[in-house]
Protein backbone atom coordinates (compact mmCIF):
# COMPACT_ATOMS: atom_id res chain seq x y z
CA UNK A 1 9.14 10.33 -22.91
CA UNK A 2 7.47 9.42 -26.43
CA UNK A 3 10.70 9.86 -28.09
CA UNK A 4 12.40 7.47 -25.98
CA UNK A 5 9.68 4.87 -26.33
CA UNK A 6 9.93 5.19 -30.07
CA UNK A 7 13.54 4.45 -29.73
CA UNK A 8 12.56 1.21 -28.07
CA UNK A 9 13.18 2.36 -24.34
CA UNK A 10 10.82 1.59 -21.28
CA UNK A 11 10.43 4.83 -19.48
CA UNK A 12 8.92 4.41 -16.05
CA UNK A 13 5.48 6.15 -15.51
CA UNK A 14 2.26 5.49 -13.52
CA UNK A 15 -0.02 8.47 -14.85
CA UNK A 16 0.43 7.83 -18.54
CA UNK A 17 1.90 11.26 -19.10
CA UNK A 18 -0.56 13.47 -17.15
CA UNK A 19 2.17 14.94 -14.76
CA UNK A 20 0.13 13.35 -11.90
CA UNK A 21 2.90 10.78 -10.38
CA UNK A 22 6.13 12.28 -10.79
CA UNK A 23 7.65 8.91 -11.47
CA UNK A 24 9.03 10.07 -14.76
CA UNK A 25 11.05 12.72 -13.17
CA UNK A 26 14.68 12.87 -14.84
CA UNK A 27 18.08 14.89 -13.87
CA UNK A 28 19.45 16.99 -16.68
CA UNK A 29 23.11 16.94 -15.64
CA UNK A 30 24.49 19.44 -18.24
CA UNK A 31 21.47 21.98 -18.69
CA UNK A 32 22.18 25.38 -20.03
CA UNK A 33 18.99 27.11 -19.52
CA UNK A 34 18.75 28.70 -22.55
CA UNK A 35 18.80 25.47 -24.38
CA UNK A 36 15.75 24.00 -22.55
CA UNK A 37 12.04 24.89 -23.15
CA UNK A 38 10.19 26.19 -20.33
CA UNK A 39 8.28 24.05 -18.24
CA UNK A 40 4.41 24.46 -17.56
CA UNK A 41 2.93 25.44 -14.06
CA UNK A 42 1.63 21.94 -13.86
CA UNK A 43 5.29 20.40 -14.24
CA UNK A 44 6.61 22.85 -11.65
CA UNK A 45 3.91 22.23 -9.21
CA UNK A 46 4.65 18.40 -9.34
CA UNK A 47 8.35 18.82 -9.38
CA UNK A 48 7.98 20.27 -5.91
CA UNK A 49 6.77 17.16 -4.59
CA UNK A 50 9.50 14.63 -5.88
CA UNK A 51 12.08 13.44 -3.51
CA UNK A 52 14.72 13.86 -6.02
CA UNK A 53 14.22 17.45 -5.95
CA UNK A 54 14.41 17.81 -2.23
CA UNK A 55 17.49 15.85 -1.70
CA UNK A 56 19.40 17.77 -4.58
CA UNK A 57 18.09 21.18 -4.96
CA UNK A 58 20.74 22.36 -7.01
CA UNK A 59 20.14 19.89 -9.76
CA UNK A 60 17.99 20.44 -12.81
CA UNK A 61 14.88 17.96 -12.96
CA UNK A 62 12.00 17.97 -15.49
CA UNK A 63 9.26 15.60 -15.99
CA UNK A 64 9.92 13.40 -18.90
CA UNK A 65 5.94 13.31 -19.82
CA UNK A 66 6.12 17.16 -20.08
CA UNK A 67 9.72 17.98 -21.47
CA UNK A 68 9.83 18.91 -25.06
CA UNK A 69 13.44 18.90 -26.30
CA UNK A 70 14.83 22.27 -27.49
CA UNK A 71 17.02 22.82 -30.25
CA UNK A 72 20.10 21.05 -28.87
CA UNK A 73 20.97 17.49 -27.74
CA UNK A 74 20.19 17.08 -24.00
CA UNK A 75 21.75 14.35 -21.89
CA UNK A 76 19.48 12.93 -19.13
CA UNK A 77 19.84 10.65 -16.23
CA UNK A 78 16.91 8.53 -15.21
CA UNK A 79 16.87 5.00 -13.06
CA UNK A 80 14.88 2.59 -14.34
CA UNK A 81 14.91 3.01 -18.00
CA UNK A 82 15.81 0.08 -20.06
CA UNK A 83 15.73 -1.15 -23.76
CA UNK A 84 12.83 -3.16 -24.62
CA UNK A 85 13.53 -6.72 -25.85
CA UNK A 86 11.78 -6.19 -29.10
CA UNK A 87 14.44 -3.61 -30.05
CA UNK A 88 17.46 -5.40 -28.29
């Protein structure tokens, strides 16, 4: 989430990165597990409550506020992300 913000995009969040709201949930459509850093227990607990996970249980979801990119390029999907006007 911080990397996206530094790049000039708005990433929806309510709790400010504390893994309390789940609003920043994102899908990682091409996610070889070996390329993803492991999530925390806090992240796993919050992910159990997000509607996207219940609707698409086969998909890989992570919280942007908790996710640490691994050594490879990762593609994510997230509704509501938009470029900030100052960067446009």
